[in-house]
Amino acid sequence: MAQPKMHIRVESNRFPDLINKAPDRARELVKKAAYELEARAKTEVPVDTGNLRNSIRTSFENDGLTGIVSTNVEYAAYVEFGTVKMAAQPYMTPAAEQVRRSFERAVKDELIKL
């Protein structure tokens, strides 16, 4: 059976403007948002053994302009989205939604400063 994959994107329509005008500041905002997402996901995730919570990690690509919060636990997506035998217990989606709002505000505030 193929492992389910989960992809949640947190972005702002104005982020490309910030990258062009202040790339270092853009990297700082991505870093802050990614670590905040990791922390919130770890708070939201249901815990049985702690394996899923402990597997949530942050990494970066694209010269620090892309933050990736992920887990390598094969049942992570089943917990997030549920199965026919198990109700969903979302942890990453609610965390991403909270971080999305704060990320968008931060990008907007930075652009005003420039």
Protein backbone atom coordinates (compact mmCIF):
# COMPACT_ATOMS: atom_id res chain seq x y z
CA MET A 1 0.00 0.00 0.00
CA ALA A 2 1.35 3.43 -0.93
CA GLN A 3 1.97 5.84 1.89
CA PRO A 4 -0.41 8.78 1.95
CA LYS A 5 1.20 12.17 1.49
CA MET A 6 0.20 15.43 3.02
CA HIS A 7 0.98 18.83 1.55
CA ILE A 8 -0.14 22.06 3.19
CA ARG A 9 1.01 25.38 1.78
CA VAL A 10 1.24 28.59 3.81
CA GLU A 11 1.82 31.57 1.58
CA SER A 12 1.05 35.22 1.04
CA ASN A 13 0.32 36.83 -2.32
CA ARG A 14 2.63 39.68 -1.36
CA PHE A 15 5.57 37.48 -0.34
CA PRO A 16 7.26 37.74 -3.78
CA ASP A 17 7.34 41.52 -3.31
CA LEU A 18 9.11 41.08 0.01
CA ILE A 19 11.60 38.60 -1.49
CA ASN A 20 12.52 41.15 -4.16
CA LYS A 21 12.86 44.08 -1.76
CA ALA A 22 14.26 42.41 1.38
CA PRO A 23 15.29 38.79 0.85
CA ASP A 24 17.01 38.45 4.24
CA ARG A 25 13.91 39.66 6.04
CA ALA A 26 11.79 37.28 3.93
CA ARG A 27 14.00 34.37 5.07
CA GLU A 28 13.57 35.44 8.71
CA LEU A 29 9.77 35.47 8.34
CA VAL A 30 9.79 32.03 6.71
CA LYS A 31 11.99 30.65 9.48
CA LYS A 32 9.77 32.12 12.18
CA ALA A 33 6.58 30.83 10.54
CA ALA A 34 7.99 27.33 9.96
CA TYR A 35 9.14 26.91 13.56
CA GLU A 36 5.84 28.32 14.81
CA LEU A 37 3.99 25.80 12.64
CA GLU A 38 6.12 22.98 14.04
CA ALA A 39 5.41 24.09 17.62
CA ARG A 40 1.67 24.46 17.05
CA ALA A 41 1.42 21.10 15.26
CA LYS A 42 3.19 19.44 18.19
CA THR A 43 0.67 21.05 20.54
CA GLU A 44 -2.34 20.03 18.41
CA VAL A 45 -1.33 16.45 17.50
CA PRO A 46 -3.10 13.70 19.46
CA VAL A 47 -0.65 11.74 21.57
CA ASP A 48 -0.72 8.04 22.26
CA THR A 49 2.93 6.98 22.32
CA GLY A 50 4.40 10.38 21.41
CA ASN A 51 6.00 8.96 18.27
CA LEU A 52 4.04 11.19 15.88
CA ARG A 53 4.60 14.34 17.94
CA ASN A 54 8.32 13.66 18.26
CA SER A 55 8.66 13.07 14.52
CA ILE A 56 7.43 16.53 13.47
CA ARG A 57 10.45 18.41 12.12
CA THR A 58 11.29 21.59 10.21
CA SER A 59 13.67 21.91 7.28
CA PHE A 60 14.36 24.58 4.69
CA GLU A 61 14.85 24.71 0.93
CA ASN A 62 15.17 27.36 -1.75
CA ASP A 63 17.91 29.24 0.11
CA GLY A 64 15.72 29.51 3.21
CA LEU A 65 12.69 30.88 1.37
CA THR A 66 10.74 27.62 1.70
CA GLY A 67 10.07 26.07 5.10
CA ILE A 68 8.94 22.46 5.31
CA VAL A 69 7.28 21.05 8.41
CA SER A 70 6.90 17.32 8.04
CA THR A 71 6.86 13.94 9.69
CA ASN A 72 8.20 10.60 8.54
CA VAL A 73 5.63 8.56 10.46
CA GLU A 74 3.63 6.46 8.00
CA TYR A 75 0.31 6.99 9.80
CA ALA A 76 0.56 10.80 10.06
CA ALA A 77 -1.88 11.47 7.21
CA TYR A 78 -4.33 8.89 8.59
CA VAL A 79 -4.43 10.81 11.86
CA GLU A 80 -4.80 14.15 10.06
CA PHE A 81 -7.48 13.11 7.56
CA GLY A 82 -8.96 9.95 9.08
CA THR A 83 -9.84 6.66 7.43
CA VAL A 84 -13.05 4.75 6.88
CA LYS A 85 -12.47 3.20 10.30
CA MET A 86 -11.07 6.21 12.18
CA ALA A 87 -12.24 9.80 12.50
CA ALA A 88 -9.86 12.56 11.46
CA GLN A 89 -7.89 14.26 14.23
CA PRO A 90 -6.44 17.26 12.40
CA TYR A 91 -3.30 18.76 13.86
CA MET A 92 -1.27 20.12 10.93
CA THR A 93 -4.12 21.86 9.10
CA PRO A 94 -5.34 23.90 12.11
CA ALA A 95 -1.75 24.81 12.97
CA ALA A 96 -1.06 25.88 9.38
CA GLU A 97 -4.20 28.01 9.29
CA GLN A 98 -3.16 29.85 12.46
CA VAL A 99 0.35 30.42 11.14
CA ARG A 100 -0.93 31.49 7.72
CA ARG A 101 -2.81 34.43 9.24
CA SER A 102 0.17 35.61 11.28
CA PHE A 103 2.54 35.11 8.32
CA GLU A 104 0.34 37.18 6.02
CA ARG A 105 0.19 39.97 8.63
CA ALA A 106 3.96 39.90 9.09
CA VAL A 107 4.59 40.12 5.33
CA LYS A 108 2.16 43.02 5.02
CA ASP A 109 3.75 44.84 7.99
CA GLU A 110 7.24 44.37 6.53
CA LEU A 111 6.21 45.72 3.15
CA ILE A 112 4.74 48.81 4.82
CA LYS A 113 8.09 49.43 6.52
CA LEU A 114 10.00 49.32 3.22
